[in-house]
């Protein structure tokens, strides 16, 4: 189990590092958005490239930041009974959801988005907008993001199984979201 825990902690480390990129991306998107607004409405200047880079950065924010959200256990849940469960029951529900929902969907999306990205990369696909950007960097975010979510899901399963065996300490506190 210790080898698997090292793997899980390595995935946690990678998710944390990628989330730093996501944080920079959201800041850059906000600055570019403000600059676009000033340029467009104050100076009557506009560029499709600046508009598109905002979307690329937003995609980086979501796709590179989501694995950390899963790691921190701050992801969205359908909280019908989860909040009422006590003891290890929440951990078993988490494992079930990770194994039967998250992993299959993330594996499928990683598998489906890789050829999508690869085609963009090989053909040097460009935006259809005048002055638009190359598309493969945005396309690469899809398999990387889904792949990292898959790996983070595996890491969460490892940590929860280790927790149930008494080999790993984790905070299982769950706070129901304010409605």
C-alpha atoms as a PDB file:
ATOM      1  CA  UNK A   1       0.000   0.000   0.000  1.00  0.00           C
ATOM      2  CA  UNK A   2       2.889   2.393   0.671  1.00  0.00           C
ATOM      3  CA  UNK A   3       3.885   2.355  -3.026  1.00  0.00           C
ATOM      4  CA  UNK A   4       0.337   3.204  -4.047  1.00  0.00           C
ATOM      5  CA  UNK A   5       0.176   5.970  -1.445  1.00  0.00           C
ATOM      6  CA  UNK A   6       3.392   7.437  -2.861  1.00  0.00           C
ATOM      7  CA  UNK A   7       1.778   7.368  -6.297  1.00  0.00           C
ATOM      8  CA  UNK A   8      -1.347   9.076  -4.914  1.00  0.00           C
ATOM      9  CA  UNK A   9       0.717  11.757  -3.189  1.00  0.00           C
ATOM     10  CA  UNK A  10       2.672  12.273  -6.417  1.00  0.00           C
ATOM     11  CA  UNK A  11      -0.589  12.855  -8.286  1.00  0.00           C
ATOM     12  CA  UNK A  12      -1.648  15.263  -5.502  1.00  0.00           C
ATOM     13  CA  UNK A  13       1.636  17.146  -5.976  1.00  0.00           C
ATOM     14  CA  UNK A  14       1.125  17.349  -9.742  1.00  0.00           C
ATOM     15  CA  UNK A  15      -2.475  18.553  -9.323  1.00  0.00           C
ATOM     16  CA  UNK A  16      -1.275  21.249  -6.939  1.00  0.00           C
ATOM     17  CA  UNK A  17       1.397  22.403  -9.411  1.00  0.00           C
ATOM     18  CA  UNK A  18      -1.091  22.485 -12.308  1.00  0.00           C
ATOM     19  CA  UNK A  19      -3.514  24.468 -10.151  1.00  0.00           C
ATOM     20  CA  UNK A  20      -0.836  27.168  -9.827  1.00  0.00           C
ATOM     21  CA  UNK A  21      -0.874  27.451 -13.625  1.00  0.00           C
ATOM     22  CA  UNK A  22      -4.684  27.650 -13.437  1.00  0.00           C
ATOM     23  CA  UNK A  23      -4.402  30.481 -10.924  1.00  0.00           C
ATOM     24  CA  UNK A  24      -2.066  32.444 -13.179  1.00  0.00           C
ATOM     25  CA  UNK A  25      -4.364  31.741 -16.132  1.00  0.00           C
ATOM     26  CA  UNK A  26      -7.424  33.163 -14.389  1.00  0.00           C
ATOM     27  CA  UNK A  27      -5.490  36.288 -13.388  1.00  0.00           C
ATOM     28  CA  UNK A  28      -4.173  36.710 -16.930  1.00  0.00           C
ATOM     29  CA  UNK A  29      -7.682  36.214 -18.353  1.00  0.00           C
ATOM     30  CA  UNK A  30      -9.059  38.898 -16.038  1.00  0.00           C
ATOM     31  CA  UNK A  31      -6.304  41.367 -16.971  1.00  0.00           C
ATOM     32  CA  UNK A  32      -6.703  40.666 -20.692  1.00  0.00           C
ATOM     33  CA  UNK A  33     -10.477  40.973 -20.391  1.00  0.00           C
ATOM     34  CA  UNK A  34     -10.145  44.378 -18.738  1.00  0.00           C
ATOM     35  CA  UNK A  35      -7.614  45.445 -21.372  1.00  0.00           C
ATOM     36  CA  UNK A  36      -9.949  44.281 -24.138  1.00  0.00           C
ATOM     37  CA  UNK A  37     -12.831  46.266 -22.687  1.00  0.00           C
ATOM     38  CA  UNK A  38     -10.719  49.424 -22.422  1.00  0.00           C
ATOM     39  CA  UNK A  39      -9.275  48.913 -25.913  1.00  0.00           C
ATOM     40  CA  UNK A  40     -12.586  48.081 -27.530  1.00  0.00           C
ATOM     41  CA  UNK A  41     -14.862  50.657 -25.907  1.00  0.00           C
ATOM     42  CA  UNK A  42     -12.371  53.372 -25.010  1.00  0.00           C
ATOM     43  CA  UNK A  43     -10.085  53.332 -28.035  1.00  0.00           C
ATOM     44  CA  UNK A  44     -12.316  51.600 -30.592  1.00  0.00           C
ATOM     45  CA  UNK A  45      -9.611  48.945 -31.211  1.00  0.00           C
ATOM     46  CA  UNK A  46     -10.247  45.229 -31.200  1.00  0.00           C
ATOM     47  CA  UNK A  47      -8.481  41.960 -31.907  1.00  0.00           C
ATOM     48  CA  UNK A  48      -9.906  38.455 -32.231  1.00  0.00           C
ATOM     49  CA  UNK A  49      -6.666  37.006 -30.890  1.00  0.00           C
ATOM     50  CA  UNK A  50      -7.104  38.841 -27.571  1.00  0.00           C
ATOM     51  CA  UNK A  51     -10.697  37.640 -27.328  1.00  0.00           C
ATOM     52  CA  UNK A  52      -9.711  34.050 -28.094  1.00  0.00           C
ATOM     53  CA  UNK A  53      -6.822  33.995 -25.635  1.00  0.00           C
ATOM     54  CA  UNK A  54      -9.324  34.790 -22.885  1.00  0.00           C
ATOM     55  CA  UNK A  55     -11.202  31.585 -23.736  1.00  0.00           C
ATOM     56  CA  UNK A  56      -7.972  29.600 -23.883  1.00  0.00           C
ATOM     57  CA  UNK A  57      -6.994  30.892 -20.446  1.00  0.00           C
ATOM     58  CA  UNK A  58     -10.452  30.168 -19.067  1.00  0.00           C
ATOM     59  CA  UNK A  59     -10.143  26.619 -20.426  1.00  0.00           C
ATOM     60  CA  UNK A  60      -6.755  26.298 -18.701  1.00  0.00           C
ATOM     61  CA  UNK A  61      -8.300  27.536 -15.465  1.00  0.00           C
ATOM     62  CA  UNK A  62     -11.034  24.903 -15.529  1.00  0.00           C
ATOM     63  CA  UNK A  63      -9.130  21.946 -16.950  1.00  0.00           C
ATOM     64  CA  UNK A  64      -5.973  22.423 -14.871  1.00  0.00           C
ATOM     65  CA  UNK A  65      -7.747  23.531 -11.687  1.00  0.00           C
ATOM     66  CA  UNK A  66     -10.435  20.832 -11.476  1.00  0.00           C
ATOM     67  CA  UNK A  67      -8.116  18.041 -10.249  1.00  0.00           C
ATOM     68  CA  UNK A  68      -7.156  20.148  -7.222  1.00  0.00           C
ATOM     69  CA  UNK A  69     -10.826  20.745  -6.437  1.00  0.00           C
ATOM     70  CA  UNK A  70     -11.311  16.963  -6.375  1.00  0.00           C
ATOM     71  CA  UNK A  71      -8.185  16.529  -4.224  1.00  0.00           C
ATOM     72  CA  UNK A  72      -9.467  19.105  -1.716  1.00  0.00           C
ATOM     73  CA  UNK A  73     -12.855  17.355  -1.643  1.00  0.00           C
ATOM     74  CA  UNK A  74     -14.572  20.593  -2.675  1.00  0.00           C
ATOM     75  CA  UNK A  75     -16.254  19.191  -5.783  1.00  0.00           C
ATOM     76  CA  UNK A  76     -19.993  19.337  -6.416  1.00  0.00           C
ATOM     77  CA  UNK A  77     -22.064  16.477  -5.049  1.00  0.00           C
ATOM     78  CA  UNK A  78     -25.663  15.507  -5.448  1.00  0.00           C
ATOM     79  CA  UNK A  79     -26.335  15.695  -1.739  1.00  0.00           C
ATOM     80  CA  UNK A  80     -29.471  13.644  -1.251  1.00  0.00           C
ATOM     81  CA  UNK A  81     -28.225  11.401   1.537  1.00  0.00           C
ATOM     82  CA  UNK A  82     -24.459  12.036   1.675  1.00  0.00           C
ATOM     83  CA  UNK A  83     -24.696  14.699   4.398  1.00  0.00           C
ATOM     84  CA  UNK A  84     -26.709  12.391   6.640  1.00  0.00           C
ATOM     85  CA  UNK A  85     -24.169   9.550   6.498  1.00  0.00           C
ATOM     86  CA  UNK A  86     -21.815   9.078   9.439  1.00  0.00           C
ATOM     87  CA  UNK A  87     -18.620   7.201  10.077  1.00  0.00           C
ATOM     88  CA  UNK A  88     -16.995   5.543   7.091  1.00  0.00           C
ATOM     89  CA  UNK A  89     -20.185   5.445   5.036  1.00  0.00           C
ATOM     90  CA  UNK A  90     -19.277   8.689   3.251  1.00  0.00           C
ATOM     91  CA  UNK A  91     -15.915   7.188   2.311  1.00  0.00           C
ATOM     92  CA  UNK A  92     -17.649   4.137   0.791  1.00  0.00           C
ATOM     93  CA  UNK A  93     -20.004   6.423  -1.165  1.00  0.00           C
ATOM     94  CA  UNK A  94     -16.986   8.392  -2.409  1.00  0.00           C
ATOM     95  CA  UNK A  95     -15.242   5.217  -3.568  1.00  0.00           C
ATOM     96  CA  UNK A  96     -18.388   4.025  -5.324  1.00  0.00           C
ATOM     97  CA  UNK A  97     -18.824   7.356  -7.118  1.00  0.00           C
ATOM     98  CA  UNK A  98     -15.180   7.545  -8.096  1.00  0.00           C
ATOM     99  CA  UNK A  99     -15.045   3.971  -9.434  1.00  0.00           C
ATOM    100  CA  UNK A 100     -18.385   3.839 -11.224  1.00  0.00           C
ATOM    101  CA  UNK A 101     -18.866   7.435 -12.360  1.00  0.00           C
ATOM    102  CA  UNK A 102     -15.771   9.622 -12.360  1.00  0.00           C
ATOM    103  CA  UNK A 103     -13.170   7.146 -13.663  1.00  0.00           C
ATOM    104  CA  UNK A 104     -15.200   5.733 -16.578  1.00  0.00           C
ATOM    105  CA  UNK A 105     -16.293   9.187 -17.747  1.00  0.00           C
ATOM    106  CA  UNK A 106     -12.816  10.702 -17.440  1.00  0.00           C
ATOM    107  CA  UNK A 107     -11.250   7.706 -19.222  1.00  0.00           C
ATOM    108  CA  UNK A 108     -13.757   8.012 -22.056  1.00  0.00           C
ATOM    109  CA  UNK A 109     -13.300  11.773 -22.379  1.00  0.00           C
ATOM    110  CA  UNK A 110      -9.503  11.451 -22.353  1.00  0.00           C
ATOM    111  CA  UNK A 111      -9.729   8.766 -25.036  1.00  0.00           C
ATOM    112  CA  UNK A 112     -12.117  10.816 -27.201  1.00  0.00           C
ATOM    113  CA  UNK A 113     -10.323  14.152 -26.888  1.00  0.00           C
ATOM    114  CA  UNK A 114      -6.808  12.925 -27.687  1.00  0.00           C
ATOM    115  CA  UNK A 115      -7.500  12.397 -31.438  1.00  0.00           C
ATOM    116  CA  UNK A 116      -9.354  15.726 -31.469  1.00  0.00           C
ATOM    117  CA  UNK A 117      -6.229  17.466 -30.134  1.00  0.00           C
ATOM    118  CA  UNK A 118      -3.852  15.437 -32.315  1.00  0.00           C
ATOM    119  CA  UNK A 119      -5.760  16.356 -35.483  1.00  0.00           C
ATOM    120  CA  UNK A 120      -5.579  20.043 -34.536  1.00  0.00           C
ATOM    121  CA  UNK A 121      -1.851  19.736 -33.886  1.00  0.00           C
ATOM    122  CA  UNK A 122      -0.966  17.825 -37.057  1.00  0.00           C
ATOM    123  CA  UNK A 123      -3.047  20.021 -39.348  1.00  0.00           C
ATOM    124  CA  UNK A 124      -1.959  23.245 -37.587  1.00  0.00           C
ATOM    125  CA  UNK A 125      -5.615  24.190 -37.301  1.00  0.00           C
ATOM    126  CA  UNK A 126      -6.252  27.902 -36.967  1.00  0.00           C
ATOM    127  CA  UNK A 127      -9.247  29.808 -35.743  1.00  0.00           C
ATOM    128  CA  UNK A 128     -11.762  30.711 -38.416  1.00  0.00           C
ATOM    129  CA  UNK A 129     -11.760  34.294 -37.161  1.00  0.00           C
ATOM    130  CA  UNK A 130      -9.562  36.915 -38.782  1.00  0.00           C
ATOM    131  CA  UNK A 131      -6.495  37.337 -36.613  1.00  0.00           C
ATOM    132  CA  UNK A 132      -7.429  34.230 -34.616  1.00  0.00           C
ATOM    133  CA  UNK A 133      -5.031  31.877 -32.882  1.00  0.00           C
ATOM    134  CA  UNK A 134      -3.803  28.349 -33.486  1.00  0.00           C
ATOM    135  CA  UNK A 135      -6.192  25.930 -31.825  1.00  0.00           C
ATOM    136  CA  UNK A 136      -4.055  23.023 -30.652  1.00  0.00           C
ATOM    137  CA  UNK A 137      -3.016  24.590 -27.299  1.00  0.00           C
ATOM    138  CA  UNK A 138      -6.677  24.823 -26.320  1.00  0.00           C
ATOM    139  CA  UNK A 139      -7.297  21.340 -27.688  1.00  0.00           C
ATOM    140  CA  UNK A 140      -4.412  19.956 -25.627  1.00  0.00           C
ATOM    141  CA  UNK A 141      -6.089  21.184 -22.439  1.00  0.00           C
ATOM    142  CA  UNK A 142      -8.901  18.672 -22.953  1.00  0.00           C
ATOM    143  CA  UNK A 143      -7.016  15.347 -22.794  1.00  0.00           C
ATOM    144  CA  UNK A 144      -4.582  16.757 -20.222  1.00  0.00           C
ATOM    145  CA  UNK A 145      -7.391  18.001 -17.980  1.00  0.00           C
ATOM    146  CA  UNK A 146      -9.518  14.869 -18.288  1.00  0.00           C
ATOM    147  CA  UNK A 147      -6.437  12.677 -17.876  1.00  0.00           C
ATOM    148  CA  UNK A 148      -5.445  14.528 -14.711  1.00  0.00           C
ATOM    149  CA  UNK A 149      -8.981  14.181 -13.359  1.00  0.00           C
ATOM    150  CA  UNK A 150      -8.715  10.437 -14.012  1.00  0.00           C
ATOM    151  CA  UNK A 151      -5.366  10.249 -12.204  1.00  0.00           C
ATOM    152  CA  UNK A 152      -6.667  12.349  -9.316  1.00  0.00           C
ATOM    153  CA  UNK A 153      -9.674  10.020  -9.096  1.00  0.00           C
ATOM    154  CA  UNK A 154      -7.310   7.041  -8.834  1.00  0.00           C
ATOM    155  CA  UNK A 155      -5.335   8.888  -6.157  1.00  0.00           C
ATOM    156  CA  UNK A 156      -8.524   9.600  -4.196  1.00  0.00           C
ATOM    157  CA  UNK A 157      -9.521   5.926  -4.332  1.00  0.00           C
ATOM    158  CA  UNK A 158      -6.070   4.884  -3.086  1.00  0.00           C
ATOM    159  CA  UNK A 159      -6.216   7.379  -0.226  1.00  0.00           C
ATOM    160  CA  UNK A 160      -9.723   6.344   0.793  1.00  0.00           C
ATOM    161  CA  UNK A 161      -8.878   2.631   0.777  1.00  0.00           C
ATOM    162  CA  UNK A 162      -5.746   3.385   2.822  1.00  0.00           C
ATOM    163  CA  UNK A 163      -7.880   5.441   5.212  1.00  0.00           C
ATOM    164  CA  UNK A 164     -10.301   2.550   5.667  1.00  0.00           C
ATOM    165  CA  UNK A 165      -7.351   0.238   6.381  1.00  0.00           C
ATOM    166  CA  UNK A 166      -5.941   2.719   8.921  1.00  0.00           C
ATOM    167  CA  UNK A 167      -2.831   3.427   6.823  1.00  0.00           C
ATOM    168  CA  UNK A 168      -3.650   7.049   5.948  1.00  0.00           C
ATOM    169  CA  UNK A 169      -5.118   9.987   7.822  1.00  0.00           C
ATOM    170  CA  UNK A 170      -7.586  12.187   6.003  1.00  0.00           C
ATOM    171  CA  UNK A 171     -10.207  14.722   6.925  1.00  0.00           C
ATOM    172  CA  UNK A 172     -13.615  13.188   6.216  1.00  0.00           C
ATOM    173  CA  UNK A 173     -15.534  16.210   7.489  1.00  0.00           C
ATOM    174  CA  UNK A 174     -18.285  17.205   5.095  1.00  0.00           C
ATOM    175  CA  UNK A 175     -20.046  20.526   5.302  1.00  0.00           C
ATOM    176  CA  UNK A 176     -23.319  20.719   3.420  1.00  0.00           C
ATOM    177  CA  UNK A 177     -23.306  23.727   1.072  1.00  0.00           C
ATOM    178  CA  UNK A 178     -25.394  26.725   2.039  1.00  0.00           C
ATOM    179  CA  UNK A 179     -28.564  26.708  -0.032  1.00  0.00           C
END
